[in-house]
Protein backbone atom coordinates (compact mmCIF):
# COMPACT_ATOMS: atom_id res chain seq x y z
CA MET A 1 -46.20 33.43 -193.56
CA THR A 2 -48.52 35.41 -191.32
CA ALA A 3 -47.10 37.48 -188.49
CA PRO A 4 -48.48 36.67 -185.02
CA ALA A 5 -49.45 40.32 -184.58
CA GLN A 6 -51.95 39.86 -187.37
CA HIS A 7 -54.23 38.03 -184.93
CA LEU A 8 -54.02 40.60 -182.13
CA THR A 9 -56.71 43.23 -181.64
CA LEU A 10 -57.32 45.93 -179.06
CA ALA A 11 -61.01 45.43 -178.40
CA ALA A 12 -64.03 43.65 -179.75
CA GLY A 13 -65.98 45.71 -182.25
CA THR A 14 -69.32 45.41 -180.46
CA GLY A 15 -68.06 45.52 -176.84
CA THR A 16 -67.71 48.58 -174.63
CA GLY A 17 -64.08 49.04 -175.59
CA GLY A 18 -64.93 48.76 -179.27
CA ILE A 19 -67.70 51.36 -178.98
CA LEU A 20 -65.35 53.80 -177.23
CA LEU A 21 -62.52 53.30 -179.72
CA TRP A 22 -64.37 52.99 -183.00
CA VAL A 23 -67.51 55.11 -182.42
CA VAL A 24 -67.00 57.64 -179.64
CA LEU A 25 -63.36 58.52 -180.32
CA PRO A 26 -63.84 59.17 -184.08
CA TYR A 27 -66.73 61.57 -183.49
CA VAL A 28 -64.94 63.35 -180.63
CA ALA A 29 -61.80 63.74 -182.74
CA LEU A 30 -63.82 64.95 -185.73
CA ALA A 31 -65.72 67.50 -183.61
CA ILE A 32 -62.52 68.85 -182.07
CA PHE A 33 -60.88 69.00 -185.49
CA VAL A 34 -63.69 71.10 -187.01
CA LEU A 35 -64.59 73.30 -184.04
CA GLY A 36 -60.95 73.70 -183.08
CA HIS A 37 -60.11 75.20 -186.47
CA VAL A 38 -63.06 77.56 -186.23
CA TRP A 39 -61.94 78.69 -182.78
CA ARG A 40 -58.30 79.03 -183.84
CA TYR A 41 -59.15 81.10 -186.90
CA ARG A 42 -61.45 83.36 -184.94
CA TYR A 43 -59.35 83.97 -181.83
CA ASP A 44 -55.79 83.28 -183.00
CA LYS A 45 -55.75 84.39 -186.62
CA PHE A 46 -52.28 85.93 -186.33
CA GLY A 47 -50.99 82.67 -184.85
CA TRP A 48 -52.19 80.71 -187.89
CA THR A 49 -48.71 80.22 -189.28
CA THR A 50 -45.89 77.72 -189.62
CA ARG A 51 -43.49 80.02 -187.75
CA SER A 52 -40.91 79.49 -190.48
CA SER A 53 -37.30 79.05 -189.38
CA GLN A 54 -35.78 79.38 -192.84
CA LEU A 55 -33.78 82.45 -191.82
CA TYR A 56 -31.91 80.41 -189.21
CA GLU A 57 -30.82 77.49 -191.39
CA ARG A 58 -31.41 76.54 -195.03
CA ARG A 59 -29.15 73.64 -196.02
CA LEU A 60 -30.97 70.89 -194.10
CA LEU A 61 -34.32 72.56 -194.72
CA ARG A 62 -33.84 72.34 -198.49
CA ILE A 63 -33.46 68.57 -198.18
CA GLY A 64 -35.87 67.64 -195.41
CA SER A 65 -38.80 69.93 -196.22
CA PRO A 66 -39.44 68.82 -199.85
CA LEU A 67 -38.84 65.19 -198.93
CA PHE A 68 -41.38 65.37 -196.11
CA HIS A 69 -44.01 67.46 -197.89
CA PHE A 70 -44.04 65.54 -201.17
CA GLY A 71 -43.97 62.25 -199.27
CA ILE A 72 -46.85 63.19 -196.96
CA LEU A 73 -48.86 64.46 -199.94
CA VAL A 74 -48.60 61.06 -201.64
CA VAL A 75 -49.45 59.35 -198.33
CA LEU A 76 -52.56 61.50 -197.90
CA LEU A 77 -53.70 60.89 -201.47
CA GLY A 78 -53.18 57.16 -200.96
CA HIS A 79 -55.24 57.21 -197.77
CA ILE A 80 -58.02 59.14 -199.49
CA GLY A 81 -58.05 56.67 -202.36
CA GLY A 82 -57.97 53.62 -200.10
CA LEU A 83 -60.43 54.79 -197.44
CA VAL A 84 -62.90 56.90 -199.41
CA ILE A 85 -63.15 55.07 -202.74
CA PRO A 86 -65.01 51.74 -202.39
CA LYS A 87 -63.40 48.58 -203.67
CA SER A 88 -66.28 48.03 -206.09
CA TRP A 89 -65.51 51.33 -207.84
CA THR A 90 -61.92 50.43 -208.70
CA GLU A 91 -63.00 46.98 -209.87
CA ALA A 92 -65.70 48.57 -212.05
CA ALA A 93 -62.99 50.79 -213.54
CA GLY A 94 -61.07 47.69 -214.60
CA ILE A 95 -58.44 47.81 -211.84
CA SER A 96 -58.00 44.35 -210.40
CA GLU A 97 -57.46 43.83 -206.68
CA HIS A 98 -53.94 42.51 -207.29
CA THR A 99 -52.97 45.55 -209.38
CA TYR A 100 -54.43 47.98 -206.85
CA HIS A 101 -52.83 46.16 -203.94
CA MET A 102 -49.35 46.06 -205.48
CA GLY A 103 -49.50 49.70 -206.52
CA ALA A 104 -50.73 50.81 -203.11
CA VAL A 105 -48.11 48.80 -201.23
CA VAL A 106 -45.14 49.83 -203.39
CA LEU A 107 -46.09 53.49 -203.71
CA GLY A 108 -47.23 53.70 -200.09
CA THR A 109 -44.00 52.19 -198.79
CA ILE A 110 -41.83 54.53 -200.86
CA ALA A 111 -43.87 57.56 -199.83
CA GLY A 112 -43.85 56.47 -196.18
CA VAL A 113 -40.07 56.05 -196.14
CA ALA A 114 -39.62 59.44 -197.85
CA THR A 115 -41.95 61.11 -195.35
CA LEU A 116 -40.23 59.53 -192.37
CA GLY A 117 -36.79 60.38 -193.75
CA GLY A 118 -37.75 64.00 -194.36
CA LEU A 119 -39.28 64.25 -190.90
CA ALA A 120 -36.12 62.79 -189.35
CA ILE A 121 -34.02 65.45 -191.09
CA LEU A 122 -36.34 68.23 -189.91
CA ILE A 123 -36.27 66.96 -186.32
CA TYR A 124 -32.48 66.61 -186.44
CA ARG A 125 -32.24 70.18 -187.76
CA ARG A 126 -34.55 71.49 -185.08
CA ARG A 127 -32.54 69.76 -182.36
CA THR A 128 -29.01 70.60 -183.52
CA VAL A 129 -29.37 74.13 -184.88
CA GLY A 130 -29.33 76.47 -181.88
CA PRO A 131 -31.66 79.27 -183.07
CA VAL A 132 -34.15 76.75 -184.48
CA PHE A 133 -34.14 74.76 -181.25
CA SER A 134 -34.66 77.95 -179.23
CA ALA A 135 -37.73 78.74 -181.34
CA THR A 136 -39.21 75.26 -180.72
CA THR A 137 -42.09 75.23 -178.25
CA ARG A 138 -43.45 72.37 -176.14
CA ASN A 139 -46.41 72.34 -178.48
CA ASP A 140 -44.05 71.74 -181.41
CA LYS A 141 -42.31 68.88 -179.60
CA ALA A 142 -45.62 67.17 -178.79
CA MET A 143 -46.72 67.63 -182.40
CA TYR A 144 -43.54 66.06 -183.75
CA VAL A 145 -43.90 63.07 -181.40
CA SER A 146 -47.54 62.51 -182.41
CA LEU A 147 -46.81 62.94 -186.12
CA THR A 148 -43.80 60.62 -186.01
CA LEU A 149 -45.74 57.96 -184.09
CA THR A 150 -48.59 58.02 -186.60
CA ILE A 151 -46.26 57.72 -189.59
CA VAL A 152 -44.17 54.96 -188.00
CA LEU A 153 -47.27 52.93 -187.10
CA GLY A 154 -48.70 53.32 -190.60
CA LEU A 155 -45.47 52.29 -192.28
CA SER A 156 -45.00 49.40 -189.85
CA ALA A 157 -48.54 48.18 -190.52
CA THR A 158 -47.92 48.23 -194.27
CA VAL A 159 -44.61 46.38 -194.00
CA ALA A 160 -45.81 43.83 -191.42
CA ALA A 161 -49.06 42.99 -193.19
CA ASN A 162 -48.05 43.10 -196.82
CA LEU A 163 -44.30 42.62 -197.11
CA ILE A 164 -43.65 40.32 -194.15
CA GLY A 165 -47.07 38.79 -193.63
CA GLY A 166 -49.44 37.22 -196.10
CA GLY A 167 -51.20 40.46 -196.99
CA TYR A 168 -54.24 42.25 -195.60
CA ASP A 169 -57.14 43.77 -197.51
CA TYR A 170 -58.00 46.81 -195.37
CA ARG A 171 -60.62 47.94 -197.89
CA GLU A 172 -62.93 45.17 -196.67
CA THR A 173 -62.73 46.28 -193.04
CA ILE A 174 -61.05 49.58 -192.13
CA SER A 175 -62.30 51.44 -195.20
CA VAL A 176 -65.87 50.32 -194.59
CA TRP A 177 -65.61 51.42 -190.94
CA PHE A 178 -64.14 54.78 -191.98
CA ARG A 179 -66.96 55.55 -194.41
CA SER A 180 -69.58 54.38 -191.93
CA ILE A 181 -68.53 57.16 -189.56
CA PHE A 182 -69.46 59.79 -192.14
CA TYR A 183 -72.64 57.94 -193.08
CA LEU A 184 -73.66 58.31 -189.40
CA GLN A 185 -74.06 54.54 -189.31
CA PRO A 186 -70.89 53.48 -187.47
CA ALA A 187 -69.82 49.88 -187.94
CA PRO A 188 -67.28 49.17 -185.15
CA ASP A 189 -67.46 45.44 -185.84
CA ARG A 190 -65.48 46.06 -189.04
CA MET A 191 -62.44 46.88 -186.91
CA THR A 192 -62.65 43.66 -184.89
CA GLY A 193 -60.42 41.59 -187.13
CA ALA A 194 -58.02 44.36 -188.15
CA PRO A 195 -54.37 43.75 -187.18
CA ILE A 196 -53.25 45.58 -184.07
CA LEU A 197 -50.81 47.79 -185.97
CA PHE A 198 -53.64 49.07 -188.16
CA GLN A 199 -55.76 49.70 -185.08
CA LEU A 200 -52.95 51.57 -183.34
CA HIS A 201 -52.33 53.58 -186.50
CA ALA A 202 -56.02 54.54 -186.66
CA ILE A 203 -56.08 55.58 -182.99
CA SER A 204 -52.88 57.62 -183.28
CA ALA A 205 -54.26 59.33 -186.40
CA MET A 206 -57.48 60.27 -184.60
CA LEU A 207 -55.53 61.72 -181.68
CA LEU A 208 -53.32 63.63 -184.10
CA PHE A 209 -56.33 65.12 -185.86
CA ALA A 210 -57.81 66.10 -182.50
CA ALA A 211 -54.63 68.02 -181.65
CA TRP A 212 -54.23 69.38 -185.19
CA PRO A 213 -56.08 72.74 -184.76
CA PHE A 214 -53.83 73.74 -181.87
CA THR A 215 -50.50 73.16 -183.64
CA ARG A 216 -48.60 74.64 -186.55
CA LEU A 217 -50.18 71.96 -188.77
CA VAL A 218 -53.10 74.33 -189.40
CA HIS A 219 -51.10 75.86 -192.25
CA MET A 220 -51.93 72.79 -194.38
CA LEU A 221 -55.52 73.99 -194.61
CA THR A 222 -54.56 77.46 -195.79
CA ALA A 223 -54.42 78.11 -199.52
CA PRO A 224 -52.80 81.39 -200.68
CA ILE A 225 -55.85 82.35 -202.72
CA GLY A 226 -55.43 86.00 -201.76
CA TYR A 227 -52.27 86.19 -203.84
CA LEU A 228 -54.41 85.90 -206.99
CA THR A 229 -56.30 89.16 -206.30
CA ARG A 230 -53.66 91.02 -204.32
CA PRO A 231 -52.54 94.32 -205.94
CA TYR A 232 -49.04 94.56 -207.31
CA ILE A 233 -46.31 95.62 -204.93
CA VAL A 234 -44.37 98.59 -206.25
CA TYR A 235 -40.65 98.48 -205.54
CA ARG A 236 -38.55 101.65 -205.83
CA SER A 237 -34.82 101.61 -206.15
CA ARG A 238 -32.77 103.23 -203.42
CA ASP A 239 -30.21 104.30 -206.03
CA THR A 240 -30.88 108.02 -206.43
CA GLN A 241 -29.11 108.07 -209.79
CA LEU A 242 -32.07 106.18 -211.25
CA GLY A 243 -34.65 108.79 -210.24
CA ALA A 244 -36.46 111.12 -212.61
CA ARG A 245 -35.08 114.26 -210.95
CA ARG A 246 -31.42 115.11 -210.80
CA PRO A 247 -30.28 114.97 -207.16
CA ARG A 248 -28.48 117.76 -205.43
CA ARG A 249 -24.69 117.65 -205.69
CA GLY A 250 -24.30 117.09 -201.99
CA TRP A 251 -26.06 113.73 -202.23
CA GLU A 252 -24.17 112.36 -205.22
CA ARG A 253 -21.84 109.45 -204.74
CA GLY A 254 -18.38 110.75 -204.12
CA GLY A 255 -19.66 114.30 -204.05
CA VAL A 256 -18.78 116.90 -201.46
CA ALA A 257 -21.39 119.05 -199.83
CA PRO A 258 -21.00 122.73 -200.72
């Protein structure tokens, strides 16, 4: 059975709408993503942080944060594998289309549900824990809405096309379009026949990446490499009894000043 939404599209690939959506928007989003990070690092280096709220609440954070981060990591790896690696490469490696498709759908669905569940816990925590909610900015709220929308659309597209519908091979269309952007030979016509949920997911992802440099999401691009070369931190005990010199009697525990 094929869902009716499978036949809906937003714009023709070679029309004006298609050019704006699948050629102009990707390059604008990519330019903002790159230049925005350069600007943020140069002029807001001290704001390049997640603004951790761990001190305010830990119980929900211990559940939601690992669930979200491990889930989104698998989702990102799956997108990289599906969009960047050509179909011919996996077939040359002996991985049949059916095997790849089943693995991608099952693993992608599990990772998507885990990511969405973790995000739901984090949003619930941010809304119900007073100090955490007070530390939430309008920028954070907009980021959560955009991130949630992108994840929901991606998961919905996977479920609608592959679990409810008759299946959809995005590596023949969306993946080719994605790589064509970086080849500087955009092929908007490849997005013409893509289901509307996939198109909406692609648009929401591009908008998210355009806003990325101006949100707390910048911390994903920061690796703690400095910790490898950082000098050791020397800690000294505040217990004077452990010092090398014998303290004066007046400072001993239980002692009386002369």
